[in-house]
PDB file of N, CA and C in Angstrom:
ATOM      1  N   MET A   1       7.592 -39.223 114.238  1.00  0.00           N
ATOM      2  CA  MET A   1       7.921 -37.923 114.754  1.00  0.00           C
ATOM      3  C   MET A   1       9.132 -38.093 115.670  1.00  0.00           C
ATOM      4  N   TYR A   2      10.116 -37.236 115.578  1.00  0.00           N
ATOM      5  CA  TYR A   2      11.279 -37.250 116.403  1.00  0.00           C
ATOM      6  C   TYR A   2      11.062 -36.317 117.581  1.00  0.00           C
ATOM      7  N   CYS A   3      11.232 -36.802 118.770  1.00  0.00           N
ATOM      8  CA  CYS A   3      11.088 -36.001 119.984  1.00  0.00           C
ATOM      9  C   CYS A   3      12.443 -35.398 120.330  1.00  0.00           C
ATOM     10  N   LEU A   4      12.548 -34.096 120.239  1.00  0.00           N
ATOM     11  CA  LEU A   4      13.833 -33.415 120.532  1.00  0.00           C
ATOM     12  C   LEU A   4      14.165 -33.496 122.026  1.00  0.00           C
ATOM     13  N   THR A   5      13.212 -33.614 122.866  1.00  0.00           N
ATOM     14  CA  THR A   5      13.402 -33.637 124.298  1.00  0.00           C
ATOM     15  C   THR A   5      13.999 -34.957 124.719  1.00  0.00           C
ATOM     16  N   CYS A   6      13.431 -36.035 124.219  1.00  0.00           N
ATOM     17  CA  CYS A   6      13.879 -37.382 124.690  1.00  0.00           C
ATOM     18  C   CYS A   6      14.694 -38.148 123.666  1.00  0.00           C
ATOM     19  N   SER A   7      14.899 -37.657 122.497  1.00  0.00           N
ATOM     20  CA  SER A   7      15.640 -38.276 121.409  1.00  0.00           C
ATOM     21  C   SER A   7      15.096 -39.615 121.031  1.00  0.00           C
ATOM     22  N   HIS A   8      13.785 -39.773 121.008  1.00  0.00           N
ATOM     23  CA  HIS A   8      13.088 -40.993 120.597  1.00  0.00           C
ATOM     24  C   HIS A   8      12.251 -40.683 119.369  1.00  0.00           C
ATOM     25  N   ILE A   9      11.927 -41.746 118.685  1.00  0.00           N
ATOM     26  CA  ILE A   9      10.962 -41.569 117.568  1.00  0.00           C
ATOM     27  C   ILE A   9       9.587 -41.995 118.201  1.00  0.00           C
ATOM     28  N   LEU A  10       8.600 -41.152 117.980  1.00  0.00           N
ATOM     29  CA  LEU A  10       7.253 -41.436 118.382  1.00  0.00           C
ATOM     30  C   LEU A  10       6.434 -41.653 117.153  1.00  0.00           C
ATOM     31  N   GLY A  11       5.694 -42.776 117.063  1.00  0.00           N
ATOM     32  CA  GLY A  11       4.931 -43.068 115.899  1.00  0.00           C
ATOM     33  C   GLY A  11       3.530 -43.504 116.233  1.00  0.00           C
ATOM     34  N   LEU A  12       2.711 -43.485 115.195  1.00  0.00           N
ATOM     35  CA  LEU A  12       1.357 -43.959 115.332  1.00  0.00           C
ATOM     36  C   LEU A  12       1.146 -45.185 114.427  1.00  0.00           C
ATOM     37  N   ASP A  13       0.470 -46.213 114.985  1.00  0.00           N
ATOM     38  CA  ASP A  13       0.221 -47.352 114.128  1.00  0.00           C
ATOM     39  C   ASP A  13      -1.099 -47.148 113.419  1.00  0.00           C
ATOM     40  N   SER A  14      -1.586 -48.052 112.624  1.00  0.00           N
ATOM     41  CA  SER A  14      -2.774 -47.836 111.801  1.00  0.00           C
ATOM     42  C   SER A  14      -4.032 -47.588 112.598  1.00  0.00           C
ATOM     43  N   CYS A  15      -4.037 -47.905 113.916  1.00  0.00           N
ATOM     44  CA  CYS A  15      -5.196 -47.685 114.786  1.00  0.00           C
ATOM     45  C   CYS A  15      -5.049 -46.306 115.515  1.00  0.00           C
ATOM     46  N   GLY A  16      -3.883 -45.612 115.277  1.00  0.00           N
ATOM     47  CA  GLY A  16      -3.669 -44.341 115.934  1.00  0.00           C
ATOM     48  C   GLY A  16      -3.045 -44.396 117.313  1.00  0.00           C
ATOM     49  N   THR A  17      -2.613 -45.622 117.670  1.00  0.00           N
ATOM     50  CA  THR A  17      -1.982 -45.822 118.946  1.00  0.00           C
ATOM     51  C   THR A  17      -0.529 -45.380 118.886  1.00  0.00           C
ATOM     52  N   ALA A  18      -0.087 -44.525 119.796  1.00  0.00           N
ATOM     53  CA  ALA A  18       1.274 -43.996 119.831  1.00  0.00           C
ATOM     54  C   ALA A  18       2.216 -45.055 120.407  1.00  0.00           C
ATOM     55  N   SER A  19       3.398 -45.118 119.874  1.00  0.00           N
ATOM     56  CA  SER A  19       4.430 -46.002 120.399  1.00  0.00           C
ATOM     57  C   SER A  19       5.741 -45.269 120.373  1.00  0.00           C
ATOM     58  N   ASP A  20       6.564 -45.627 121.377  1.00  0.00           N
ATOM     59  CA  ASP A  20       7.850 -45.010 121.578  1.00  0.00           C
ATOM     60  C   ASP A  20       8.943 -46.037 121.216  1.00  0.00           C
ATOM     61  N   SER A  21       9.872 -45.629 120.408  1.00  0.00           N
ATOM     62  CA  SER A  21      10.869 -46.509 119.901  1.00  0.00           C
ATOM     63  C   SER A  21      12.106 -46.613 120.720  1.00  0.00           C
ATOM     64  N   VAL A  22      12.045 -46.223 121.982  1.00  0.00           N
ATOM     65  CA  VAL A  22      13.251 -46.194 122.833  1.00  0.00           C
ATOM     66  C   VAL A  22      13.955 -47.532 122.878  1.00  0.00           C
ATOM     67  N   ASN A  23      13.174 -48.656 122.847  1.00  0.00           N
ATOM     68  CA  ASN A  23      13.796 -49.943 122.911  1.00  0.00           C
ATOM     69  C   ASN A  23      14.278 -50.491 121.599  1.00  0.00           C
ATOM     70  N   PHE A  24      13.942 -49.834 120.501  1.00  0.00           N
ATOM     71  CA  PHE A  24      14.276 -50.344 119.156  1.00  0.00           C
ATOM     72  C   PHE A  24      15.214 -49.456 118.373  1.00  0.00           C
ATOM     73  N   ILE A  25      15.025 -48.161 118.395  1.00  0.00           N
ATOM     74  CA  ILE A  25      15.760 -47.262 117.541  1.00  0.00           C
ATOM     75  C   ILE A  25      16.456 -46.190 118.375  1.00  0.00           C
ATOM     76  N   ARG A  26      17.710 -45.975 118.123  1.00  0.00           N
ATOM     77  CA  ARG A  26      18.448 -44.837 118.620  1.00  0.00           C
ATOM     78  C   ARG A  26      18.913 -43.995 117.432  1.00  0.00           C
ATOM     79  N   LEU A  27      18.500 -42.758 117.350  1.00  0.00           N
ATOM     80  CA  LEU A  27      18.838 -41.927 116.229  1.00  0.00           C
ATOM     81  C   LEU A  27      20.231 -41.398 116.345  1.00  0.00           C
ATOM     82  N   ASN A  28      20.861 -41.328 115.203  1.00  0.00           N
ATOM     83  CA  ASN A  28      22.196 -40.681 115.126  1.00  0.00           C
ATOM     84  C   ASN A  28      21.978 -39.258 114.694  1.00  0.00           C
ATOM     85  N   ASP A  29      22.604 -38.321 115.355  1.00  0.00           N
ATOM     86  CA  ASP A  29      22.427 -36.905 115.060  1.00  0.00           C
ATOM     87  C   ASP A  29      22.735 -36.550 113.623  1.00  0.00           C
ATOM     88  N   GLU A  30      23.482 -37.380 112.921  1.00  0.00           N
ATOM     89  CA  GLU A  30      23.845 -37.122 111.517  1.00  0.00           C
ATOM     90  C   GLU A  30      22.610 -36.981 110.608  1.00  0.00           C
ATOM     91  N   VAL A  31      21.550 -37.648 110.973  1.00  0.00           N
ATOM     92  CA  VAL A  31      20.300 -37.574 110.166  1.00  0.00           C
ATOM     93  C   VAL A  31      19.842 -36.144 110.087  1.00  0.00           C
ATOM     94  N   TYR A  32      20.093 -35.366 111.127  1.00  0.00           N
ATOM     95  CA  TYR A  32      19.610 -33.975 111.201  1.00  0.00           C
ATOM     96  C   TYR A  32      20.660 -32.921 110.948  1.00  0.00           C
ATOM     97  N   SER A  33      21.882 -33.366 110.820  1.00  0.00           N
ATOM     98  CA  SER A  33      23.005 -32.381 110.722  1.00  0.00           C
ATOM     99  C   SER A  33      23.192 -31.828 109.316  1.00  0.00           C
ATOM    100  N   GLY A  34      22.580 -32.484 108.320  1.00  0.00           N
ATOM    101  CA  GLY A  34      22.784 -31.995 106.972  1.00  0.00           C
ATOM    102  C   GLY A  34      23.760 -32.874 106.211  1.00  0.00           C
ATOM    103  N   LYS A  35      24.550 -33.712 106.916  1.00  0.00           N
ATOM    104  CA  LYS A  35      25.510 -34.596 106.220  1.00  0.00           C
ATOM    105  C   LYS A  35      24.685 -35.654 105.446  1.00  0.00           C
ATOM    106  N   TYR A  36      23.741 -36.283 106.061  1.00  0.00           N
ATOM    107  CA  TYR A  36      22.866 -37.228 105.393  1.00  0.00           C
ATOM    108  C   TYR A  36      21.461 -36.830 105.778  1.00  0.00           C
ATOM    109  N   PHE A  37      20.608 -36.590 104.783  1.00  0.00           N
ATOM    110  CA  PHE A  37      19.194 -36.270 105.069  1.00  0.00           C
ATOM    111  C   PHE A  37      18.412 -37.502 104.653  1.00  0.00           C
ATOM    112  N   VAL A  38      17.676 -38.056 105.568  1.00  0.00           N
ATOM    113  CA  VAL A  38      16.833 -39.235 105.248  1.00  0.00           C
ATOM    114  C   VAL A  38      15.370 -38.783 105.455  1.00  0.00           C
ATOM    115  N   PRO A  39      14.615 -38.720 104.391  1.00  0.00           N
ATOM    116  CA  PRO A  39      13.182 -38.331 104.550  1.00  0.00           C
ATOM    117  C   PRO A  39      12.440 -39.354 105.459  1.00  0.00           C
ATOM    118  N   ASN A  40      11.415 -38.799 106.118  1.00  0.00           N
ATOM    119  CA  ASN A  40      10.596 -39.751 106.956  1.00  0.00           C
ATOM    120  C   ASN A  40       9.259 -40.111 106.342  1.00  0.00           C
ATOM    121  N   VAL A  41       9.053 -39.695 105.070  1.00  0.00           N
ATOM    122  CA  VAL A  41       7.813 -40.050 104.366  1.00  0.00           C
ATOM    123  C   VAL A  41       8.135 -40.261 102.880  1.00  0.00           C
ATOM    124  N   ILE A  42       7.549 -41.299 102.271  1.00  0.00           N
ATOM    125  CA  ILE A  42       7.570 -41.426 100.835  1.00  0.00           C
ATOM    126  C   ILE A  42       6.110 -41.656 100.395  1.00  0.00           C
ATOM    127  N   THR A  43       5.839 -41.254  99.114  1.00  0.00           N
ATOM    128  CA  THR A  43       4.489 -41.365  98.582  1.00  0.00           C
ATOM    129  C   THR A  43       4.617 -42.039  97.241  1.00  0.00           C
ATOM    130  N   PRO A  44       4.838 -43.329  97.169  1.00  0.00           N
ATOM    131  CA  PRO A  44       5.101 -44.037  95.886  1.00  0.00           C
ATOM    132  C   PRO A  44       3.853 -44.166  95.036  1.00  0.00           C
ATOM    133  N   ASN A  45       3.396 -43.070  94.449  1.00  0.00           N
ATOM    134  CA  ASN A  45       2.177 -43.100  93.626  1.00  0.00           C
ATOM    135  C   ASN A  45       2.489 -42.667  92.171  1.00  0.00           C
ATOM    136  N   ASN A  46       3.790 -42.708  91.827  1.00  0.00           N
ATOM    137  CA  ASN A  46       4.241 -42.383  90.464  1.00  0.00           C
ATOM    138  C   ASN A  46       3.862 -40.986  89.970  1.00  0.00           C
ATOM    139  N   ASP A  47       3.766 -40.015  90.914  1.00  0.00           N
ATOM    140  CA  ASP A  47       3.530 -38.609  90.450  1.00  0.00           C
ATOM    141  C   ASP A  47       4.826 -37.829  90.298  1.00  0.00           C
ATOM    142  N   GLY A  48       5.969 -38.512  90.524  1.00  0.00           N
ATOM    143  CA  GLY A  48       7.244 -37.822  90.378  1.00  0.00           C
ATOM    144  C   GLY A  48       7.691 -37.053  91.609  1.00  0.00           C
ATOM    145  N   LYS A  49       6.990 -37.101  92.679  1.00  0.00           N
ATOM    146  CA  LYS A  49       7.270 -36.389  93.910  1.00  0.00           C
ATOM    147  C   LYS A  49       7.289 -37.392  95.041  1.00  0.00           C
ATOM    148  N   ASN A  50       8.472 -37.493  95.705  1.00  0.00           N
ATOM    149  CA  ASN A  50       8.626 -38.360  96.886  1.00  0.00           C
ATOM    150  C   ASN A  50       8.287 -39.786  96.656  1.00  0.00           C
ATOM    151  N   ASP A  51       8.476 -40.259  95.405  1.00  0.00           N
ATOM    152  CA  ASP A  51       8.188 -41.676  95.083  1.00  0.00           C
ATOM    153  C   ASP A  51       9.264 -42.594  95.591  1.00  0.00           C
ATOM    154  N   TYR A  52      10.459 -42.095  95.823  1.00  0.00           N
ATOM    155  CA  TYR A  52      11.587 -42.931  96.301  1.00  0.00           C
ATOM    156  C   TYR A  52      12.159 -42.359  97.566  1.00  0.00           C
ATOM    157  N   LEU A  53      12.861 -43.251  98.332  1.00  0.00           N
ATOM    158  CA  LEU A  53      13.603 -42.813  99.508  1.00  0.00           C
ATOM    159  C   LEU A  53      14.967 -42.292  99.033  1.00  0.00           C
ATOM    160  N   ILE A  54      15.053 -41.002  98.891  1.00  0.00           N
ATOM    161  CA  ILE A  54      16.267 -40.387  98.400  1.00  0.00           C
ATOM    162  C   ILE A  54      17.127 -39.884  99.579  1.00  0.00           C
ATOM    163  N   ILE A  55      18.315 -40.407  99.747  1.00  0.00           N
ATOM    164  CA  ILE A  55      19.187 -40.010 100.831  1.00  0.00           C
ATOM    165  C   ILE A  55      20.346 -39.205 100.232  1.00  0.00           C
ATOM    166  N   ASP A  56      20.401 -37.952 100.607  1.00  0.00           N
ATOM    167  CA  ASP A  56      21.434 -37.032 100.127  1.00  0.00           C
ATOM    168  C   ASP A  56      22.826 -37.471 100.591  1.00  0.00           C
ATOM    169  N   ASN A  57      23.790 -37.294  99.717  1.00  0.00           N
ATOM    170  CA  ASN A  57      25.229 -37.493 100.042  1.00  0.00           C
ATOM    171  C   ASN A  57      25.573 -38.931 100.387  1.00  0.00           C
ATOM    172  N   LEU A  58      24.774 -39.892 100.010  1.00  0.00           N
ATOM    173  CA  LEU A  58      25.017 -41.286 100.427  1.00  0.00           C
ATOM    174  C   LEU A  58      26.154 -41.899  99.554  1.00  0.00           C
ATOM    175  N   PRO A  59      27.252 -42.351 100.199  1.00  0.00           N
ATOM    176  CA  PRO A  59      28.311 -42.984  99.430  1.00  0.00           C
ATOM    177  C   PRO A  59      27.911 -44.322  98.814  1.00  0.00           C
ATOM    178  N   SER A  60      28.460 -44.618  97.694  1.00  0.00           N
ATOM    179  CA  SER A  60      28.228 -45.925  97.036  1.00  0.00           C
ATOM    180  C   SER A  60      28.644 -47.058  97.981  1.00  0.00           C
ATOM    181  N   GLY A  61      27.925 -48.143  97.924  1.00  0.00           N
ATOM    182  CA  GLY A  61      28.250 -49.286  98.788  1.00  0.00           C
ATOM    183  C   GLY A  61      27.562 -49.236 100.149  1.00  0.00           C
ATOM    184  N   SER A  62      26.742 -48.240 100.385  1.00  0.00           N
ATOM    185  CA  SER A  62      26.013 -48.154 101.669  1.00  0.00           C
ATOM    186  C   SER A  62      24.881 -49.166 101.642  1.00  0.00           C
ATOM    187  N   GLU A  63      24.575 -49.773 102.798  1.00  0.00           N
ATOM    188  CA  GLU A  63      23.567 -50.766 102.889  1.00  0.00           C
ATOM    189  C   GLU A  63      22.317 -50.226 103.637  1.00  0.00           C
ATOM    190  N   ILE A  64      21.171 -50.593 103.187  1.00  0.00           N
ATOM    191  CA  ILE A  64      19.921 -50.227 103.872  1.00  0.00           C
ATOM    192  C   ILE A  64      19.139 -51.532 104.163  1.00  0.00           C
ATOM    193  N   ILE A  65      18.587 -51.600 105.371  1.00  0.00           N
ATOM    194  CA  ILE A  65      17.729 -52.719 105.737  1.00  0.00           C
ATOM    195  C   ILE A  65      16.462 -52.075 106.299  1.00  0.00           C
ATOM    196  N   ILE A  66      15.298 -52.511 105.752  1.00  0.00           N
ATOM    197  CA  ILE A  66      14.019 -51.939 106.145  1.00  0.00           C
ATOM    198  C   ILE A  66      13.168 -53.016 106.763  1.00  0.00           C
ATOM    199  N   PHE A  67      12.575 -52.684 107.917  1.00  0.00           N
ATOM    200  CA  PHE A  67      11.823 -53.645 108.693  1.00  0.00           C
ATOM    201  C   PHE A  67      10.347 -53.188 108.806  1.00  0.00           C
ATOM    202  N   ASN A  68       9.457 -54.151 108.939  1.00  0.00           N
ATOM    203  CA  ASN A  68       8.076 -53.846 109.221  1.00  0.00           C
ATOM    204  C   ASN A  68       7.879 -53.649 110.672  1.00  0.00           C
ATOM    205  N   ARG A  69       6.668 -53.438 111.119  1.00  0.00           N
ATOM    206  CA  ARG A  69       6.421 -53.118 112.509  1.00  0.00           C
ATOM    207  C   ARG A  69       6.628 -54.268 113.460  1.00  0.00           C
ATOM    208  N   ILE A  70       6.662 -55.512 112.967  1.00  0.00           N
ATOM    209  CA  ILE A  70       6.957 -56.658 113.837  1.00  0.00           C
ATOM    210  C   ILE A  70       8.412 -57.089 113.743  1.00  0.00           C
ATOM    211  N   GLY A  71       9.245 -56.314 113.051  1.00  0.00           N
ATOM    212  CA  GLY A  71      10.650 -56.589 113.016  1.00  0.00           C
ATOM    213  C   GLY A  71      11.162 -57.454 111.873  1.00  0.00           C
ATOM    214  N   ASN A  72      10.302 -57.863 110.951  1.00  0.00           N
ATOM    215  CA  ASN A  72      10.737 -58.654 109.803  1.00  0.00           C
ATOM    216  C   ASN A  72      11.379 -57.776 108.759  1.00  0.00           C
ATOM    217  N   THR A  73      12.476 -58.247 108.186  1.00  0.00           N
ATOM    218  CA  THR A  73      13.099 -57.551 107.117  1.00  0.00           C
ATOM    219  C   THR A  73      12.231 -57.646 105.874  1.00  0.00           C
ATOM    220  N   VAL A  74      11.870 -56.436 105.283  1.00  0.00           N
ATOM    221  CA  VAL A  74      11.067 -56.442 104.128  1.00  0.00           C
ATOM    222  C   VAL A  74      11.833 -56.066 102.859  1.00  0.00           C
ATOM    223  N   TYR A  75      12.953 -55.302 103.121  1.00  0.00           N
ATOM    224  CA  TYR A  75      13.771 -54.864 102.004  1.00  0.00           C
ATOM    225  C   TYR A  75      15.206 -54.773 102.486  1.00  0.00           C
ATOM    226  N   ARG A  76      16.100 -55.197 101.643  1.00  0.00           N
ATOM    227  CA  ARG A  76      17.537 -55.083 101.986  1.00  0.00           C
ATOM    228  C   ARG A  76      18.311 -54.867 100.723  1.00  0.00           C
ATOM    229  N   ASN A  77      19.260 -53.931 100.726  1.00  0.00           N
ATOM    230  CA  ASN A  77      20.103 -53.641  99.563  1.00  0.00           C
ATOM    231  C   ASN A  77      21.465 -53.296 100.051  1.00  0.00           C
ATOM    232  N   LYS A  78      22.480 -54.071  99.656  1.00  0.00           N
ATOM    233  CA  LYS A  78      23.837 -53.847 100.125  1.00  0.00           C
ATOM    234  C   LYS A  78      24.579 -52.736  99.377  1.00  0.00           C
ATOM    235  N   ASP A  79      23.999 -52.215  98.330  1.00  0.00           N
ATOM    236  CA  ASP A  79      24.596 -51.064  97.581  1.00  0.00           C
ATOM    237  C   ASP A  79      23.398 -50.134  97.206  1.00  0.00           C
ATOM    238  N   TYR A  80      22.866 -49.522  98.199  1.00  0.00           N
ATOM    239  CA  TYR A  80      21.700 -48.689  98.007  1.00  0.00           C
ATOM    240  C   TYR A  80      21.939 -47.484  97.137  1.00  0.00           C
ATOM    241  N   GLN A  81      21.139 -47.303  96.091  1.00  0.00           N
ATOM    242  CA  GLN A  81      21.275 -46.207  95.132  1.00  0.00           C
ATOM    243  C   GLN A  81      20.028 -45.350  95.002  1.00  0.00           C
ATOM    244  N   ASN A  82      19.316 -45.168  96.155  1.00  0.00           N
ATOM    245  CA  ASN A  82      18.135 -44.339  96.177  1.00  0.00           C
ATOM    246  C   ASN A  82      16.950 -44.891  95.306  1.00  0.00           C
ATOM    247  N   GLU A  83      16.821 -46.210  95.259  1.00  0.00           N
ATOM    248  CA  GLU A  83      15.864 -46.768  94.392  1.00  0.00           C
ATOM    249  C   GLU A  83      14.639 -47.420  95.134  1.00  0.00           C
ATOM    250  N   TRP A  84      14.609 -47.315  96.496  1.00  0.00           N
ATOM    251  CA  TRP A  84      13.499 -47.992  97.202  1.00  0.00           C
ATOM    252  C   TRP A  84      12.223 -47.075  97.035  1.00  0.00           C
ATOM    253  N   ASN A  85      11.161 -47.737  96.587  1.00  0.00           N
ATOM    254  CA  ASN A  85       9.852 -47.043  96.406  1.00  0.00           C
ATOM    255  C   ASN A  85       8.726 -47.689  97.122  1.00  0.00           C
ATOM    256  N   GLY A  86       9.041 -48.257  98.290  1.00  0.00           N
ATOM    257  CA  GLY A  86       7.983 -48.835  99.093  1.00  0.00           C
ATOM    258  C   GLY A  86       7.627 -50.225  98.739  1.00  0.00           C
ATOM    259  N   THR A  87       8.523 -50.965  98.108  1.00  0.00           N
ATOM    260  CA  THR A  87       8.261 -52.373  97.718  1.00  0.00           C
ATOM    261  C   THR A  87       9.119 -53.273  98.605  1.00  0.00           C
ATOM    262  N   ASP A  88       8.759 -54.552  98.597  1.00  0.00           N
ATOM    263  CA  ASP A  88       9.621 -55.510  99.297  1.00  0.00           C
ATOM    264  C   ASP A  88      10.676 -56.027  98.347  1.00  0.00           C
ATOM    265  N   ASN A  89      11.495 -56.969  98.791  1.00  0.00           N
ATOM    266  CA  ASN A  89      12.607 -57.481  97.936  1.00  0.00           C
ATOM    267  C   ASN A  89      12.093 -58.212  96.710  1.00  0.00           C
ATOM    268  N   ASN A  90      10.822 -58.543  96.673  1.00  0.00           N
ATOM    269  CA  ASN A  90      10.267 -59.202  95.484  1.00  0.00           C
ATOM    270  C   ASN A  90       9.584 -58.224  94.571  1.00  0.00           C
ATOM    271  N   GLY A  91       9.639 -56.938  94.908  1.00  0.00           N
ATOM    272  CA  GLY A  91       9.009 -55.898  94.044  1.00  0.00           C
ATOM    273  C   GLY A  91       7.585 -55.711  94.342  1.00  0.00           C
ATOM    274  N   GLU A  92       7.006 -56.362  95.348  1.00  0.00           N
ATOM    275  CA  GLU A  92       5.632 -56.208  95.708  1.00  0.00           C
ATOM    276  C   GLU A  92       5.409 -54.960  96.570  1.00  0.00           C
ATOM    277  N   PRO A  93       4.386 -54.140  96.273  1.00  0.00           N
ATOM    278  CA  PRO A  93       4.160 -52.930  97.119  1.00  0.00           C
ATOM    279  C   PRO A  93       3.850 -53.285  98.548  1.00  0.00           C
ATOM    280  N   LEU A  94       4.422 -52.541  99.440  1.00  0.00           N
ATOM    281  CA  LEU A  94       4.137 -52.718 100.834  1.00  0.00           C
ATOM    282  C   LEU A  94       2.922 -51.902 101.238  1.00  0.00           C
ATOM    283  N   ARG A  95       2.261 -52.282 102.300  1.00  0.00           N
ATOM    284  CA  ARG A  95       1.097 -51.521 102.781  1.00  0.00           C
ATOM    285  C   ARG A  95       1.527 -50.176 103.291  1.00  0.00           C
ATOM    286  N   TYR A  96       0.619 -49.204 103.366  1.00  0.00           N
ATOM    287  CA  TYR A  96       0.933 -47.905 103.960  1.00  0.00           C
ATOM    288  C   TYR A  96       1.219 -48.114 105.403  1.00  0.00           C
ATOM    289  N   GLY A  97       2.025 -47.304 105.982  1.00  0.00           N
ATOM    290  CA  GLY A  97       2.373 -47.368 107.378  1.00  0.00           C
ATOM    291  C   GLY A  97       3.808 -47.035 107.655  1.00  0.00           C
ATOM    292  N   THR A  98       4.208 -47.221 108.879  1.00  0.00           N
ATOM    293  CA  THR A  98       5.559 -46.917 109.299  1.00  0.00           C
ATOM    294  C   THR A  98       6.515 -48.088 109.173  1.00  0.00           C
ATOM    295  N   TYR A  99       7.656 -47.901 108.655  1.00  0.00           N
ATOM    296  CA  TYR A  99       8.719 -48.888 108.530  1.00  0.00           C
ATOM    297  C   TYR A  99       9.981 -48.342 109.200  1.00  0.00           C
ATOM    298  N   TRP A 100      10.805 -49.207 109.681  1.00  0.00           N
ATOM    299  CA  TRP A 100      12.034 -48.790 110.330  1.00  0.00           C
ATOM    300  C   TRP A 100      13.210 -49.184 109.474  1.00  0.00           C
ATOM    301  N   TYR A 101      14.309 -48.471 109.590  1.00  0.00           N
ATOM    302  CA  TYR A 101      15.473 -48.780 108.775  1.00  0.00           C
ATOM    303  C   TYR A 101      16.732 -48.662 109.598  1.00  0.00           C
ATOM    304  N   ILE A 102      17.734 -49.413 109.052  1.00  0.00           N
ATOM    305  CA  ILE A 102      19.116 -49.231 109.472  1.00  0.00           C
ATOM    306  C   ILE A 102      19.885 -48.974 108.210  1.00  0.00           C
ATOM    307  N   LEU A 103      20.617 -47.851 108.223  1.00  0.00           N
ATOM    308  CA  LEU A 103      21.424 -47.472 107.078  1.00  0.00           C
ATOM    309  C   LEU A 103      22.865 -47.485 107.502  1.00  0.00           C
ATOM    310  N   LYS A 104      23.621 -48.424 106.841  1.00  0.00           N
ATOM    311  CA  LYS A 104      25.034 -48.596 107.166  1.00  0.00           C
ATOM    312  C   LYS A 104      25.850 -47.853 106.111  1.00  0.00           C
ATOM    313  N   ILE A 105      26.558 -46.805 106.572  1.00  0.00           N
ATOM    314  CA  ILE A 105      27.312 -45.950 105.682  1.00  0.00           C
ATOM    315  C   ILE A 105      28.635 -46.602 105.237  1.00  0.00           C
ATOM    316  N   ALA A 106      28.818 -46.676 103.947  1.00  0.00           N
ATOM    317  CA  ALA A 106      29.986 -47.316 103.351  1.00  0.00           C
ATOM    318  C   ALA A 106      31.264 -46.554 103.772  1.00  0.00           C
ATOM    319  N   GLY A 107      32.298 -47.297 104.039  1.00  0.00           N
ATOM    320  CA  GLY A 107      33.607 -46.696 104.393  1.00  0.00           C
ATOM    321  C   GLY A 107      33.743 -46.242 105.827  1.00  0.00           C
ATOM    322  N   SER A 108      32.727 -46.584 106.646  1.00  0.00           N
ATOM    323  CA  SER A 108      32.755 -46.172 108.101  1.00  0.00           C
ATOM    324  C   SER A 108      31.998 -47.255 108.905  1.00  0.00           C
ATOM    325  N   ASN A 109      32.070 -47.091 110.199  1.00  0.00           N
ATOM    326  CA  ASN A 109      31.302 -47.941 111.063  1.00  0.00           C
ATOM    327  C   ASN A 109      29.939 -47.253 111.439  1.00  0.00           C
ATOM    328  N   GLU A 110      29.618 -46.153 110.765  1.00  0.00           N
ATOM    329  CA  GLU A 110      28.461 -45.397 111.107  1.00  0.00           C
ATOM    330  C   GLU A 110      27.194 -46.074 110.660  1.00  0.00           C
ATOM    331  N   GLU A 111      26.201 -46.053 111.520  1.00  0.00           N
ATOM    332  CA  GLU A 111      24.847 -46.562 111.248  1.00  0.00           C
ATOM    333  C   GLU A 111      23.839 -45.459 111.573  1.00  0.00           C
ATOM    334  N   ILE A 112      22.931 -45.260 110.744  1.00  0.00           N
ATOM    335  CA  ILE A 112      21.804 -44.354 110.998  1.00  0.00           C
ATOM    336  C   ILE A 112      20.542 -45.172 111.065  1.00  0.00           C
ATOM    337  N   LYS A 113      19.784 -44.941 112.120  1.00  0.00           N
ATOM    338  CA  LYS A 113      18.546 -45.692 112.374  1.00  0.00           C
ATOM    339  C   LYS A 113      17.380 -44.692 112.442  1.00  0.00           C
ATOM    340  N   GLY A 114      16.248 -45.058 111.859  1.00  0.00           N
ATOM    341  CA  GLY A 114      15.135 -44.218 111.893  1.00  0.00           C
ATOM    342  C   GLY A 114      13.911 -44.873 111.330  1.00  0.00           C
ATOM    343  N   ASN A 115      12.923 -44.070 110.991  1.00  0.00           N
ATOM    344  CA  ASN A 115      11.674 -44.632 110.412  1.00  0.00           C
ATOM    345  C   ASN A 115      11.246 -43.822 109.200  1.00  0.00           C
ATOM    346  N   VAL A 116      10.477 -44.486 108.375  1.00  0.00           N
ATOM    347  CA  VAL A 116       9.917 -43.799 107.203  1.00  0.00           C
ATOM    348  C   VAL A 116       8.445 -44.310 107.066  1.00  0.00           C
ATOM    349  N   PHE A 117       7.593 -43.397 106.732  1.00  0.00           N
ATOM    350  CA  PHE A 117       6.200 -43.697 106.565  1.00  0.00           C
ATOM    351  C   PHE A 117       5.851 -43.744 105.086  1.00  0.00           C
ATOM    352  N   ILE A 118       5.194 -44.863 104.696  1.00  0.00           N
ATOM    353  CA  ILE A 118       4.706 -44.983 103.328  1.00  0.00           C
ATOM    354  C   ILE A 118       3.294 -44.513 103.270  1.00  0.00           C
ATOM    355  N   LYS A 119       3.062 -43.442 102.561  1.00  0.00           N
ATOM    356  CA  LYS A 119       1.729 -42.901 102.406  1.00  0.00           C
ATOM    357  C   LYS A 119       1.250 -43.124 101.012  1.00  0.00           C
ATOM    358  N   LYS A 120       0.130 -43.722 100.823  1.00  0.00           N
ATOM    359  CA  LYS A 120      -0.439 -44.040  99.516  1.00  0.00           C
ATOM    360  C   LYS A 120      -1.519 -43.087  99.156  1.00  0.00           C
TER     361      LYS A 120
END
């Protein structure tokens, strides 16, 4: 959840404990401006709805790096084409929960940081 007052992401871990991302993630306002819309939930259950992390208006050559809750890179793609469906770089399904990302926009120095929840 994005806190409009403090500009932090607030999340719950699998035990329901809230955590504040102030030390890890700074959100770029572009996520909410309509230029790039990055969903904060995917449901990769092959029902044809929200199965993939689809980022509107993303230029070719943009890079995405996805981290688990302890900071390990679980997925990285240097030319992201909206194909991430909650798997790691080996194609293995990730557990449900919150993951963090850095999206590097091609042709600029712009980075968008945020989180996405995998719901199964």
